[in-house]
């Protein structure tokens, strides 16, 4: 399955929630990094990690697809 095909297929509910949390983390981190005031280095470092973690969680969650047919095939092979 190619990457474009993956992104067009439906995402399972758990990973949709995780994707939304990742978007929120990345947004919060980006806002703190771009703040027009001087912040302590520790706060900026934490914001950087939040941005990276949120971006990775969003990308991974978006790439997960629900493939019911393959799940049913695997279940029938186990029985």
PDB file of N, CA and C in Angstrom:
ATOM      1  N   UNK A   1       0.847  -1.162   0.000  1.00  0.00           N
ATOM      2  CA  UNK A   1       0.000   0.000   0.000  1.00  0.00           C
ATOM      3  C   UNK A   1       0.904   1.240   0.000  1.00  0.00           C
ATOM      4  N   UNK A   2       0.627   2.128  -0.915  1.00  0.00           N
ATOM      5  CA  UNK A   2       1.428   3.346  -1.022  1.00  0.00           C
ATOM      6  C   UNK A   2       0.962   4.382  -0.002  1.00  0.00           C
ATOM      7  N   UNK A   3       1.824   5.352   0.242  1.00  0.00           N
ATOM      8  CA  UNK A   3       1.546   6.361   1.262  1.00  0.00           C
ATOM      9  C   UNK A   3       0.292   7.173   0.937  1.00  0.00           C
ATOM     10  N   UNK A   4       0.110   7.527  -0.331  1.00  0.00           N
ATOM     11  CA  UNK A   4      -1.089   8.286  -0.722  1.00  0.00           C
ATOM     12  C   UNK A   4      -2.355   7.489  -0.440  1.00  0.00           C
ATOM     13  N   UNK A   5      -2.312   6.186  -0.722  1.00  0.00           N
ATOM     14  CA  UNK A   5      -3.470   5.330  -0.465  1.00  0.00           C
ATOM     15  C   UNK A   5      -3.765   5.267   1.034  1.00  0.00           C
ATOM     16  N   UNK A   6      -2.709   5.183   1.840  1.00  0.00           N
ATOM     17  CA  UNK A   6      -2.876   5.137   3.291  1.00  0.00           C
ATOM     18  C   UNK A   6      -3.583   6.377   3.813  1.00  0.00           C
ATOM     19  N   UNK A   7      -3.163   7.537   3.326  1.00  0.00           N
ATOM     20  CA  UNK A   7      -3.737   8.781   3.831  1.00  0.00           C
ATOM     21  C   UNK A   7      -5.185   8.974   3.396  1.00  0.00           C
ATOM     22  N   UNK A   8      -5.626   8.269   2.368  1.00  0.00           N
ATOM     23  CA  UNK A   8      -7.006   8.405   1.897  1.00  0.00           C
ATOM     24  C   UNK A   8      -7.962   7.451   2.608  1.00  0.00           C
ATOM     25  N   UNK A   9      -7.440   6.394   3.247  1.00  0.00           N
ATOM     26  CA  UNK A   9      -8.296   5.419   3.928  1.00  0.00           C
ATOM     27  C   UNK A   9      -8.722   5.940   5.302  1.00  0.00           C
ATOM     28  N   UNK A  10      -9.813   5.390   5.841  1.00  0.00           N
ATOM     29  CA  UNK A  10     -10.294   5.861   7.150  1.00  0.00           C
ATOM     30  C   UNK A  10      -9.327   5.511   8.285  1.00  0.00           C
ATOM     31  N   UNK A  11      -9.282   6.387   9.274  1.00  0.00           N
ATOM     32  CA  UNK A  11      -8.432   6.200  10.447  1.00  0.00           C
ATOM     33  C   UNK A  11      -9.292   5.660  11.586  1.00  0.00           C
ATOM     34  N   UNK A  12      -8.805   4.659  12.341  1.00  0.00           N
ATOM     35  CA  UNK A  12      -9.570   4.141  13.481  1.00  0.00           C
ATOM     36  C   UNK A  12      -9.809   5.226  14.539  1.00  0.00           C
ATOM     37  N   UNK A  13     -10.886   5.100  15.313  1.00  0.00           N
ATOM     38  CA  UNK A  13     -11.254   6.141  16.288  1.00  0.00           C
ATOM     39  C   UNK A  13     -10.151   6.484  17.300  1.00  0.00           C
ATOM     40  N   UNK A  14      -9.459   5.485  17.829  1.00  0.00           N
ATOM     41  CA  UNK A  14      -8.402   5.757  18.803  1.00  0.00           C
ATOM     42  C   UNK A  14      -7.324   6.647  18.200  1.00  0.00           C
ATOM     43  N   UNK A  15      -6.942   6.345  16.983  1.00  0.00           N
ATOM     44  CA  UNK A  15      -5.877   7.113  16.350  1.00  0.00           C
ATOM     45  C   UNK A  15      -6.353   8.494  15.905  1.00  0.00           C
ATOM     46  N   UNK A  16      -7.652   8.659  15.674  1.00  0.00           N
ATOM     47  CA  UNK A  16      -8.184  10.004  15.407  1.00  0.00           C
ATOM     48  C   UNK A  16      -8.040  10.878  16.650  1.00  0.00           C
ATOM     49  N   UNK A  17      -8.352  10.294  17.815  1.00  0.00           N
ATOM     50  CA  UNK A  17      -8.195  11.039  19.069  1.00  0.00           C
ATOM     51  C   UNK A  17      -6.723  11.369  19.314  1.00  0.00           C
ATOM     52  N   UNK A  18      -5.860  10.389  19.087  1.00  0.00           N
ATOM     53  CA  UNK A  18      -4.428  10.607  19.271  1.00  0.00           C
ATOM     54  C   UNK A  18      -3.908  11.672  18.307  1.00  0.00           C
ATOM     55  N   UNK A  19      -4.412  11.664  17.086  1.00  0.00           N
ATOM     56  CA  UNK A  19      -4.021  12.680  16.099  1.00  0.00           C
ATOM     57  C   UNK A  19      -4.420  14.073  16.570  1.00  0.00           C
ATOM     58  N   UNK A  20      -5.633  14.197  17.094  1.00  0.00           N
ATOM     59  CA  UNK A  20      -6.097  15.499  17.582  1.00  0.00           C
ATOM     60  C   UNK A  20      -5.280  15.982  18.782  1.00  0.00           C
ATOM     61  N   UNK A  21      -4.913  15.065  19.663  1.00  0.00           N
ATOM     62  CA  UNK A  21      -4.057  15.426  20.796  1.00  0.00           C
ATOM     63  C   UNK A  21      -2.690  15.873  20.287  1.00  0.00           C
ATOM     64  N   UNK A  22      -2.169  15.165  19.290  1.00  0.00           N
ATOM     65  CA  UNK A  22      -0.884  15.549  18.702  1.00  0.00           C
ATOM     66  C   UNK A  22      -0.928  16.931  18.073  1.00  0.00           C
ATOM     67  N   UNK A  23      -2.021  17.234  17.400  1.00  0.00           N
ATOM     68  CA  UNK A  23      -2.173  18.567  16.799  1.00  0.00           C
ATOM     69  C   UNK A  23      -2.190  19.636  17.896  1.00  0.00           C
ATOM     70  N   UNK A  24      -2.898  19.349  18.987  1.00  0.00           N
ATOM     71  CA  UNK A  24      -2.960  20.310  20.094  1.00  0.00           C
ATOM     72  C   UNK A  24      -1.587  20.522  20.727  1.00  0.00           C
ATOM     73  N   UNK A  25      -0.833  19.432  20.923  1.00  0.00           N
ATOM     74  CA  UNK A  25       0.513  19.554  21.495  1.00  0.00           C
ATOM     75  C   UNK A  25       1.430  20.372  20.594  1.00  0.00           C
ATOM     76  N   UNK A  26       1.396  20.062  19.301  1.00  0.00           N
ATOM     77  CA  UNK A  26       2.248  20.793  18.361  1.00  0.00           C
ATOM     78  C   UNK A  26       1.875  22.272  18.318  1.00  0.00           C
ATOM     79  N   UNK A  27       0.594  22.549  18.369  1.00  0.00           N
ATOM     80  CA  UNK A  27       0.140  23.943  18.354  1.00  0.00           C
ATOM     81  C   UNK A  27       0.570  24.681  19.620  1.00  0.00           C
ATOM     82  N   UNK A  28       0.377  24.044  20.765  1.00  0.00           N
ATOM     83  CA  UNK A  28       0.768  24.676  22.033  1.00  0.00           C
ATOM     84  C   UNK A  28       2.270  24.938  22.069  1.00  0.00           C
ATOM     85  N   UNK A  29       3.046  23.958  21.639  1.00  0.00           N
ATOM     86  CA  UNK A  29       4.491  24.145  21.608  1.00  0.00           C
ATOM     87  C   UNK A  29       4.904  25.255  20.662  1.00  0.00           C
ATOM     88  N   UNK A  30       4.279  25.304  19.508  1.00  0.00           N
ATOM     89  CA  UNK A  30       4.592  26.353  18.533  1.00  0.00           C
ATOM     90  C   UNK A  30       4.251  27.738  19.040  1.00  0.00           C
ATOM     91  N   UNK A  31       3.140  27.849  19.752  1.00  0.00           N
ATOM     92  CA  UNK A  31       2.740  29.151  20.308  1.00  0.00           C
ATOM     93  C   UNK A  31       3.756  29.616  21.349  1.00  0.00           C
ATOM     94  N   UNK A  32       4.193  28.703  22.196  1.00  0.00           N
ATOM     95  CA  UNK A  32       5.172  29.076  23.225  1.00  0.00           C
ATOM     96  C   UNK A  32       6.504  29.467  22.587  1.00  0.00           C
ATOM     97  N   UNK A  33       6.938  28.711  21.580  1.00  0.00           N
ATOM     98  CA  UNK A  33       8.205  29.022  20.908  1.00  0.00           C
ATOM     99  C   UNK A  33       8.136  30.389  20.232  1.00  0.00           C
ATOM    100  N   UNK A  34       7.001  30.700  19.634  1.00  0.00           N
ATOM    101  CA  UNK A  34       6.862  31.948  18.877  1.00  0.00           C
ATOM    102  C   UNK A  34       6.419  33.131  19.733  1.00  0.00           C
ATOM    103  N   UNK A  35       6.343  32.939  21.035  1.00  0.00           N
ATOM    104  CA  UNK A  35       5.891  34.025  21.916  1.00  0.00           C
ATOM    105  C   UNK A  35       6.808  35.239  21.793  1.00  0.00           C
ATOM    106  N   UNK A  36       6.218  36.434  21.720  1.00  0.00           N
ATOM    107  CA  UNK A  36       7.027  37.645  21.540  1.00  0.00           C
ATOM    108  C   UNK A  36       7.716  38.132  22.818  1.00  0.00           C
ATOM    109  N   UNK A  37       7.589  37.357  23.899  1.00  0.00           N
ATOM    110  CA  UNK A  37       8.248  37.746  25.150  1.00  0.00           C
ATOM    111  C   UNK A  37       9.402  36.797  25.441  1.00  0.00           C
ATOM    112  N   UNK A  38      10.281  37.210  26.294  1.00  0.00           N
ATOM    113  CA  UNK A  38      11.431  36.392  26.671  1.00  0.00           C
ATOM    114  C   UNK A  38      10.989  35.359  27.708  1.00  0.00           C
ATOM    115  N   UNK A  39      11.210  34.098  27.403  1.00  0.00           N
ATOM    116  CA  UNK A  39      10.841  33.017  28.311  1.00  0.00           C
ATOM    117  C   UNK A  39      12.103  32.286  28.761  1.00  0.00           C
ATOM    118  N   UNK A  40      12.054  31.635  29.922  1.00  0.00           N
ATOM    119  CA  UNK A  40      13.214  30.862  30.374  1.00  0.00           C
ATOM    120  C   UNK A  40      13.560  29.751  29.377  1.00  0.00           C
ATOM    121  N   UNK A  41      14.820  29.399  29.332  1.00  0.00           N
ATOM    122  CA  UNK A  41      15.290  28.386  28.384  1.00  0.00           C
ATOM    123  C   UNK A  41      14.595  27.047  28.598  1.00  0.00           C
ATOM    124  N   UNK A  42      14.314  26.693  29.844  1.00  0.00           N
ATOM    125  CA  UNK A  42      13.651  25.421  30.131  1.00  0.00           C
ATOM    126  C   UNK A  42      12.256  25.373  29.510  1.00  0.00           C
ATOM    127  N   UNK A  43      11.545  26.474  29.561  1.00  0.00           N
ATOM    128  CA  UNK A  43      10.197  26.532  28.986  1.00  0.00           C
ATOM    129  C   UNK A  43      10.265  26.373  27.471  1.00  0.00           C
ATOM    130  N   UNK A  44      11.211  27.030  26.851  1.00  0.00           N
ATOM    131  CA  UNK A  44      11.362  26.930  25.395  1.00  0.00           C
ATOM    132  C   UNK A  44      11.780  25.516  25.005  1.00  0.00           C
ATOM    133  N   UNK A  45      12.636  24.888  25.805  1.00  0.00           N
ATOM    134  CA  UNK A  45      13.057  23.511  25.527  1.00  0.00           C
ATOM    135  C   UNK A  45      11.871  22.557  25.620  1.00  0.00           C
ATOM    136  N   UNK A  46      11.067  22.694  26.654  1.00  0.00           N
ATOM    137  CA  UNK A  46       9.874  21.849  26.805  1.00  0.00           C
ATOM    138  C   UNK A  46       8.917  22.087  25.642  1.00  0.00           C
ATOM    139  N   UNK A  47       8.755  23.324  25.234  1.00  0.00           N
ATOM    140  CA  UNK A  47       7.876  23.640  24.107  1.00  0.00           C
ATOM    141  C   UNK A  47       8.386  23.003  22.816  1.00  0.00           C
ATOM    142  N   UNK A  48       9.697  22.970  22.652  1.00  0.00           N
ATOM    143  CA  UNK A  48      10.274  22.325  21.469  1.00  0.00           C
ATOM    144  C   UNK A  48       9.959  20.835  21.466  1.00  0.00           C
ATOM    145  N   UNK A  49      10.123  20.186  22.624  1.00  0.00           N
ATOM    146  CA  UNK A  49       9.801  18.762  22.717  1.00  0.00           C
ATOM    147  C   UNK A  49       8.310  18.511  22.485  1.00  0.00           C
ATOM    148  N   UNK A  50       7.465  19.384  23.002  1.00  0.00           N
ATOM    149  CA  UNK A  50       6.020  19.254  22.764  1.00  0.00           C
ATOM    150  C   UNK A  50       5.703  19.333  21.273  1.00  0.00           C
ATOM    151  N   UNK A  51       6.348  20.262  20.597  1.00  0.00           N
ATOM    152  CA  UNK A  51       6.108  20.428  19.163  1.00  0.00           C
ATOM    153  C   UNK A  51       6.532  19.188  18.394  1.00  0.00           C
ATOM    154  N   UNK A  52       7.705  18.665  18.717  1.00  0.00           N
ATOM    155  CA  UNK A  52       8.196  17.467  18.022  1.00  0.00           C
ATOM    156  C   UNK A  52       7.304  16.270  18.328  1.00  0.00           C
ATOM    157  N   UNK A  53       6.974  16.060  19.604  1.00  0.00           N
ATOM    158  CA  UNK A  53       6.131  14.922  19.981  1.00  0.00           C
ATOM    159  C   UNK A  53       4.751  15.015  19.332  1.00  0.00           C
ATOM    160  N   UNK A  54       4.179  16.197  19.313  1.00  0.00           N
ATOM    161  CA  UNK A  54       2.870  16.379  18.690  1.00  0.00           C
ATOM    162  C   UNK A  54       2.897  16.134  17.199  1.00  0.00           C
ATOM    163  N   UNK A  55       3.955  16.596  16.551  1.00  0.00           N
ATOM    164  CA  UNK A  55       4.078  16.390  15.106  1.00  0.00           C
ATOM    165  C   UNK A  55       4.232  14.913  14.771  1.00  0.00           C
ATOM    166  N   UNK A  56       5.062  14.215  15.533  1.00  0.00           N
ATOM    167  CA  UNK A  56       5.267  12.780  15.291  1.00  0.00           C
ATOM    168  C   UNK A  56       3.982  12.003  15.561  1.00  0.00           C
ATOM    169  N   UNK A  57       3.317  12.292  16.671  1.00  0.00           N
ATOM    170  CA  UNK A  57       2.060  11.598  16.992  1.00  0.00           C
ATOM    171  C   UNK A  57       1.011  11.827  15.914  1.00  0.00           C
ATOM    172  N   UNK A  58       0.943  13.032  15.401  1.00  0.00           N
ATOM    173  CA  UNK A  58      -0.018  13.350  14.348  1.00  0.00           C
ATOM    174  C   UNK A  58       0.296  12.589  13.068  1.00  0.00           C
ATOM    175  N   UNK A  59       1.546  12.576  12.679  1.00  0.00           N
ATOM    176  CA  UNK A  59       1.935  11.898  11.435  1.00  0.00           C
ATOM    177  C   UNK A  59       1.711  10.394  11.526  1.00  0.00           C
ATOM    178  N   UNK A  60       2.110   9.799  12.637  1.00  0.00           N
ATOM    179  CA  UNK A  60       1.939   8.353  12.802  1.00  0.00           C
ATOM    180  C   UNK A  60       0.459   7.997  12.867  1.00  0.00           C
ATOM    181  N   UNK A  61      -0.317   8.763  13.607  1.00  0.00           N
ATOM    182  CA  UNK A  61      -1.751   8.480  13.737  1.00  0.00           C
ATOM    183  C   UNK A  61      -2.479   8.615  12.411  1.00  0.00           C
ATOM    184  N   UNK A  62      -2.069   9.556  11.604  1.00  0.00           N
ATOM    185  CA  UNK A  62      -2.722   9.751  10.313  1.00  0.00           C
ATOM    186  C   UNK A  62      -2.399   8.608   9.350  1.00  0.00           C
ATOM    187  N   UNK A  63      -1.243   7.982   9.524  1.00  0.00           N
ATOM    188  CA  UNK A  63      -0.831   6.919   8.610  1.00  0.00           C
ATOM    189  C   UNK A  63      -1.446   5.562   8.959  1.00  0.00           C
ATOM    190  N   UNK A  64      -2.037   5.427  10.151  1.00  0.00           N
ATOM    191  CA  UNK A  64      -2.669   4.171  10.550  1.00  0.00           C
ATOM    192  C   UNK A  64      -4.016   4.070   9.861  1.00  0.00           C
ATOM    193  N   UNK A  65      -4.296   2.906   9.274  1.00  0.00           N
ATOM    194  CA  UNK A  65      -5.565   2.723   8.571  1.00  0.00           C
ATOM    195  C   UNK A  65      -6.325   1.538   9.150  1.00  0.00           C
ATOM    196  N   UNK A  66      -7.613   1.581   8.983  1.00  0.00           N
ATOM    197  CA  UNK A  66      -8.480   0.488   9.390  1.00  0.00           C
ATOM    198  C   UNK A  66      -8.741  -0.380   8.171  1.00  0.00           C
ATOM    199  N   UNK A  67      -8.352  -1.636   8.272  1.00  0.00           N
ATOM    200  CA  UNK A  67      -8.534  -2.551   7.154  1.00  0.00           C
ATOM    201  C   UNK A  67      -9.312  -3.761   7.657  1.00  0.00           C
ATOM    202  N   UNK A  68     -10.627  -3.635   7.685  1.00  0.00           N
ATOM    203  CA  UNK A  68     -11.499  -4.666   8.256  1.00  0.00           C
ATOM    204  C   UNK A  68     -11.375  -5.997   7.515  1.00  0.00           C
ATOM    205  N   UNK A  69     -11.213  -5.956   6.203  1.00  0.00           N
ATOM    206  CA  UNK A  69     -11.149  -7.188   5.427  1.00  0.00           C
ATOM    207  C   UNK A  69      -9.941  -8.018   5.841  1.00  0.00           C
ATOM    208  N   UNK A  70      -8.794  -7.389   5.980  1.00  0.00           N
ATOM    209  CA  UNK A  70      -7.597  -8.128   6.368  1.00  0.00           C
ATOM    210  C   UNK A  70      -7.722  -8.667   7.787  1.00  0.00           C
ATOM    211  N   UNK A  71      -8.360  -7.912   8.685  1.00  0.00           N
ATOM    212  CA  UNK A  71      -8.561  -8.386  10.044  1.00  0.00           C
ATOM    213  C   UNK A  71      -9.439  -9.634  10.050  1.00  0.00           C
ATOM    214  N   UNK A  72     -10.493  -9.652   9.240  1.00  0.00           N
ATOM    215  CA  UNK A  72     -11.374 -10.812   9.165  1.00  0.00           C
ATOM    216  C   UNK A  72     -10.627 -12.007   8.586  1.00  0.00           C
ATOM    217  N   UNK A  73      -9.783 -11.779   7.580  1.00  0.00           N
ATOM    218  CA  UNK A  73      -8.998 -12.860   6.992  1.00  0.00           C
ATOM    219  C   UNK A  73      -8.043 -13.457   8.019  1.00  0.00           C
ATOM    220  N   UNK A  74      -7.419 -12.625   8.821  1.00  0.00           N
ATOM    221  CA  UNK A  74      -6.502 -13.112   9.846  1.00  0.00           C
ATOM    222  C   UNK A  74      -7.251 -13.896  10.910  1.00  0.00           C
ATOM    223  N   UNK A  75      -8.441 -13.432  11.296  1.00  0.00           N
ATOM    224  CA  UNK A  75      -9.235 -14.145  12.289  1.00  0.00           C
ATOM    225  C   UNK A  75      -9.641 -15.521  11.783  1.00  0.00           C
ATOM    226  N   UNK A  76      -9.988 -15.638  10.518  1.00  0.00           N
ATOM    227  CA  UNK A  76     -10.399 -16.928   9.973  1.00  0.00           C
ATOM    228  C   UNK A  76      -9.218 -17.885   9.872  1.00  0.00           C
ATOM    229  N   UNK A  77      -8.016 -17.374   9.670  1.00  0.00           N
ATOM    230  CA  UNK A  77      -6.834 -18.234   9.607  1.00  0.00           C
ATOM    231  C   UNK A  77      -6.462 -18.767  10.983  1.00  0.00           C
ATOM    232  N   UNK A  78      -6.762 -18.006  12.022  1.00  0.00           N
ATOM    233  CA  UNK A  78      -6.432 -18.431  13.385  1.00  0.00           C
ATOM    234  C   UNK A  78      -7.366 -19.542  13.839  1.00  0.00           C
ATOM    235  N   UNK A  79      -8.638 -19.478  13.451  1.00  0.00           N
ATOM    236  CA  UNK A  79      -9.635 -20.480  13.884  1.00  0.00           C
ATOM    237  C   UNK A  79      -9.396 -21.813  13.301  1.00  0.00           C
TER     238      UNK A  79
END
